[in-house]
Amino acid sequence: MILLATIVVTLAAALHVAIFFMESVAWTRPAVWRRFGVASQQAADTVRPMAYNQGFYNLFLAIGAVVGLVLYAVGQHAAGLALIIFASASMIGAAVVLVTTGRGYLRPAVIQGILPLIGLILLLIGLAIGER
């Protein structure tokens, strides 16, 4: 279970890096801002600073998860687990907050939150059955 959990958490981190790239690096491309439901270039320009900031938030969550996975892999289990759990729970929390902004955000919230939720559940199951 722990191995599967680390794979899923790694995928969650990769997804959050991709979101960072879209929001902070590639935001000026119409295909990108349309993917986020922005209707016009003017609106995209208006929300660009917020998207830029939000992208880095996603990057930092990914970094936290990856550092936790590395620490766990090199034998620093307590520190690694703390970071993995915190980063995953934060990703899940962000998805919950996204849902509260409106029904139209359900799909992106599921995309953002399902991998860290599955990873966290698998991790907790693995720990409960005594895996390392």
C-alpha atoms as a PDB file:
ATOM      1  CA  MET A   1       0.000   0.000   0.000  1.00  0.00           C
ATOM      2  CA  ILE A   2       2.780   2.443   0.838  1.00  0.00           C
ATOM      3  CA  LEU A   3       4.390   1.949  -2.571  1.00  0.00           C
ATOM      4  CA  LEU A   4       1.073   2.520  -4.321  1.00  0.00           C
ATOM      5  CA  ALA A   5       0.446   5.564  -2.110  1.00  0.00           C
ATOM      6  CA  THR A   6       3.808   7.070  -3.076  1.00  0.00           C
ATOM      7  CA  ILE A   7       3.013   6.560  -6.767  1.00  0.00           C
ATOM      8  CA  VAL A   8      -0.365   8.280  -6.412  1.00  0.00           C
ATOM      9  CA  VAL A   9       1.066  11.147  -4.339  1.00  0.00           C
ATOM     10  CA  THR A  10       3.780  11.562  -6.979  1.00  0.00           C
ATOM     11  CA  LEU A  11       1.041  11.835  -9.628  1.00  0.00           C
ATOM     12  CA  ALA A  12      -0.760  14.417  -7.473  1.00  0.00           C
ATOM     13  CA  ALA A  13       2.464  16.430  -7.226  1.00  0.00           C
ATOM     14  CA  ALA A  14       2.977  16.195 -10.997  1.00  0.00           C
ATOM     15  CA  LEU A  15      -0.566  17.425 -11.575  1.00  0.00           C
ATOM     16  CA  HIS A  16       0.050  20.397  -9.296  1.00  0.00           C
ATOM     17  CA  VAL A  17       3.262  21.198 -11.182  1.00  0.00           C
ATOM     18  CA  ALA A  18       1.240  21.132 -14.411  1.00  0.00           C
ATOM     19  CA  ILE A  19      -1.322  23.480 -12.867  1.00  0.00           C
ATOM     20  CA  PHE A  20       1.541  25.762 -11.790  1.00  0.00           C
ATOM     21  CA  PHE A  21       2.843  25.791 -15.353  1.00  0.00           C
ATOM     22  CA  MET A  22      -0.552  26.678 -16.789  1.00  0.00           C
ATOM     23  CA  GLU A  23      -1.344  29.382 -14.244  1.00  0.00           C
ATOM     24  CA  SER A  24       2.063  30.979 -13.804  1.00  0.00           C
ATOM     25  CA  VAL A  25       3.977  30.350 -17.035  1.00  0.00           C
ATOM     26  CA  ALA A  26       1.516  29.712 -19.870  1.00  0.00           C
ATOM     27  CA  TRP A  27      -1.408  31.877 -18.723  1.00  0.00           C
ATOM     28  CA  THR A  28      -1.124  34.254 -21.699  1.00  0.00           C
ATOM     29  CA  ARG A  29      -2.123  31.479 -24.130  1.00  0.00           C
ATOM     30  CA  PRO A  30      -5.861  31.601 -24.878  1.00  0.00           C
ATOM     31  CA  ALA A  31      -6.107  27.803 -24.791  1.00  0.00           C
ATOM     32  CA  VAL A  32      -4.833  27.883 -21.204  1.00  0.00           C
ATOM     33  CA  TRP A  33      -7.025  30.617 -19.746  1.00  0.00           C
ATOM     34  CA  ARG A  34     -10.072  29.200 -21.555  1.00  0.00           C
ATOM     35  CA  ARG A  35      -9.381  25.865 -19.842  1.00  0.00           C
ATOM     36  CA  PHE A  36      -9.906  27.733 -16.567  1.00  0.00           C
ATOM     37  CA  GLY A  37     -13.246  29.144 -17.735  1.00  0.00           C
ATOM     38  CA  VAL A  38     -11.996  32.639 -18.533  1.00  0.00           C
ATOM     39  CA  ALA A  39     -14.066  34.063 -21.393  1.00  0.00           C
ATOM     40  CA  SER A  40     -11.965  36.869 -22.849  1.00  0.00           C
ATOM     41  CA  GLN A  41      -8.453  38.225 -23.203  1.00  0.00           C
ATOM     42  CA  GLN A  42      -9.439  41.224 -21.085  1.00  0.00           C
ATOM     43  CA  ALA A  43     -10.664  38.967 -18.274  1.00  0.00           C
ATOM     44  CA  ALA A  44      -7.517  36.818 -18.584  1.00  0.00           C
ATOM     45  CA  ASP A  45      -5.359  39.932 -18.271  1.00  0.00           C
ATOM     46  CA  THR A  46      -7.349  41.058 -15.237  1.00  0.00           C
ATOM     47  CA  VAL A  47      -6.962  37.781 -13.342  1.00  0.00           C
ATOM     48  CA  ARG A  48      -3.391  37.097 -14.511  1.00  0.00           C
ATOM     49  CA  PRO A  49      -1.753  38.282 -11.242  1.00  0.00           C
ATOM     50  CA  MET A  50      -4.095  36.061  -9.230  1.00  0.00           C
ATOM     51  CA  ALA A  51      -3.470  33.078 -11.520  1.00  0.00           C
ATOM     52  CA  TYR A  52       0.280  33.678 -11.253  1.00  0.00           C
ATOM     53  CA  ASN A  53       0.094  33.648  -7.461  1.00  0.00           C
ATOM     54  CA  GLN A  54      -2.214  30.639  -7.372  1.00  0.00           C
ATOM     55  CA  GLY A  55       0.132  28.737  -9.664  1.00  0.00           C
ATOM     56  CA  PHE A  56       2.985  29.132  -7.221  1.00  0.00           C
ATOM     57  CA  TYR A  57       0.723  27.946  -4.414  1.00  0.00           C
ATOM     58  CA  ASN A  58       0.200  24.743  -6.425  1.00  0.00           C
ATOM     59  CA  LEU A  59       3.948  24.446  -7.038  1.00  0.00           C
ATOM     60  CA  PHE A  60       4.713  24.763  -3.330  1.00  0.00           C
ATOM     61  CA  LEU A  61       2.217  22.013  -2.501  1.00  0.00           C
ATOM     62  CA  ALA A  62       3.895  19.781  -5.082  1.00  0.00           C
ATOM     63  CA  ILE A  63       7.336  20.568  -3.677  1.00  0.00           C
ATOM     64  CA  GLY A  64       6.129  19.704  -0.163  1.00  0.00           C
ATOM     65  CA  ALA A  65       4.813  16.350  -1.343  1.00  0.00           C
ATOM     66  CA  VAL A  66       7.996  15.529  -3.274  1.00  0.00           C
ATOM     67  CA  VAL A  67      10.287  16.502  -0.407  1.00  0.00           C
ATOM     68  CA  GLY A  68       8.156  14.330   1.882  1.00  0.00           C
ATOM     69  CA  LEU A  69       8.421  11.407  -0.528  1.00  0.00           C
ATOM     70  CA  VAL A  70      12.194  11.806  -0.769  1.00  0.00           C
ATOM     71  CA  LEU A  71      12.610  12.047   2.996  1.00  0.00           C
ATOM     72  CA  TYR A  72      10.470   8.944   3.451  1.00  0.00           C
ATOM     73  CA  ALA A  73      12.481   7.082   0.804  1.00  0.00           C
ATOM     74  CA  VAL A  74      15.809   7.851   2.502  1.00  0.00           C
ATOM     75  CA  GLY A  75      14.612   6.601   5.862  1.00  0.00           C
ATOM     76  CA  GLN A  76      13.412   9.811   7.473  1.00  0.00           C
ATOM     77  CA  HIS A  77       9.957   8.297   7.888  1.00  0.00           C
ATOM     78  CA  ALA A  78       8.470  10.665  10.461  1.00  0.00           C
ATOM     79  CA  ALA A  79       9.487  13.859   8.655  1.00  0.00           C
ATOM     80  CA  GLY A  80       8.564  12.396   5.288  1.00  0.00           C
ATOM     81  CA  LEU A  81       5.155  11.255   6.457  1.00  0.00           C
ATOM     82  CA  ALA A  82       4.461  14.622   8.053  1.00  0.00           C
ATOM     83  CA  LEU A  83       5.178  16.440   4.796  1.00  0.00           C
ATOM     84  CA  ILE A  84       3.299  13.931   2.624  1.00  0.00           C
ATOM     85  CA  ILE A  85       0.253  14.097   4.873  1.00  0.00           C
ATOM     86  CA  PHE A  86       0.348  17.888   5.146  1.00  0.00           C
ATOM     87  CA  ALA A  87       0.804  18.466   1.408  1.00  0.00           C
ATOM     88  CA  SER A  88      -1.854  15.909   0.463  1.00  0.00           C
ATOM     89  CA  ALA A  89      -4.329  17.252   3.023  1.00  0.00           C
ATOM     90  CA  SER A  90      -3.676  20.793   1.768  1.00  0.00           C
ATOM     91  CA  MET A  91      -4.353  19.702  -1.827  1.00  0.00           C
ATOM     92  CA  ILE A  92      -7.588  18.061  -0.675  1.00  0.00           C
ATOM     93  CA  GLY A  93      -8.528  21.159   1.311  1.00  0.00           C
ATOM     94  CA  ALA A  94      -7.922  23.371  -1.712  1.00  0.00           C
ATOM     95  CA  ALA A  95     -10.214  21.129  -3.755  1.00  0.00           C
ATOM     96  CA  VAL A  96     -12.937  21.409  -1.107  1.00  0.00           C
ATOM     97  CA  VAL A  97     -12.593  25.191  -1.111  1.00  0.00           C
ATOM     98  CA  LEU A  98     -12.805  25.196  -4.910  1.00  0.00           C
ATOM     99  CA  VAL A  99     -16.127  23.322  -4.760  1.00  0.00           C
ATOM    100  CA  THR A 100     -17.523  25.936  -2.374  1.00  0.00           C
ATOM    101  CA  THR A 101     -17.011  28.653  -5.002  1.00  0.00           C
ATOM    102  CA  GLY A 102     -19.748  27.240  -7.222  1.00  0.00           C
ATOM    103  CA  ARG A 103     -21.148  24.150  -8.893  1.00  0.00           C
ATOM    104  CA  GLY A 104     -19.182  24.892 -12.056  1.00  0.00           C
ATOM    105  CA  TYR A 105     -15.994  24.110 -10.166  1.00  0.00           C
ATOM    106  CA  LEU A 106     -16.926  20.552  -9.216  1.00  0.00           C
ATOM    107  CA  ARG A 107     -15.014  18.937 -12.091  1.00  0.00           C
ATOM    108  CA  PRO A 108     -11.768  20.888 -11.531  1.00  0.00           C
ATOM    109  CA  ALA A 109     -12.050  20.245  -7.793  1.00  0.00           C
ATOM    110  CA  VAL A 110     -12.342  16.515  -8.382  1.00  0.00           C
ATOM    111  CA  ILE A 111      -9.381  16.611 -10.773  1.00  0.00           C
ATOM    112  CA  GLN A 112      -7.338  18.563  -8.225  1.00  0.00           C
ATOM    113  CA  GLY A 113      -8.385  16.581  -5.179  1.00  0.00           C
ATOM    114  CA  ILE A 114      -8.873  12.948  -6.165  1.00  0.00           C
ATOM    115  CA  LEU A 115      -5.206  11.929  -6.484  1.00  0.00           C
ATOM    116  CA  PRO A 116      -4.090  13.350  -3.127  1.00  0.00           C
ATOM    117  CA  LEU A 117      -7.208  11.877  -1.493  1.00  0.00           C
ATOM    118  CA  ILE A 118      -6.505   8.407  -2.875  1.00  0.00           C
ATOM    119  CA  GLY A 119      -2.818   8.730  -2.009  1.00  0.00           C
ATOM    120  CA  LEU A 120      -3.573   9.793   1.544  1.00  0.00           C
ATOM    121  CA  ILE A 121      -6.082   6.984   2.051  1.00  0.00           C
ATOM    122  CA  LEU A 122      -3.628   4.390   0.700  1.00  0.00           C
ATOM    123  CA  LEU A 123      -0.869   5.811   2.903  1.00  0.00           C
ATOM    124  CA  LEU A 124      -3.029   5.637   6.007  1.00  0.00           C
ATOM    125  CA  ILE A 125      -4.126   2.086   5.190  1.00  0.00           C
ATOM    126  CA  GLY A 126      -0.491   1.077   4.666  1.00  0.00           C
ATOM    127  CA  LEU A 127       0.506   2.590   7.986  1.00  0.00           C
ATOM    128  CA  ALA A 128      -2.459   0.970   9.745  1.00  0.00           C
ATOM    129  CA  ILE A 129      -1.408  -2.479   8.554  1.00  0.00           C
ATOM    130  CA  GLY A 130       2.171  -1.867   9.635  1.00  0.00           C
ATOM    131  CA  GLU A 131       3.927  -1.208   6.333  1.00  0.00           C
ATOM    132  CA  ARG A 132       7.002   0.974   6.156  1.00  0.00           C
END
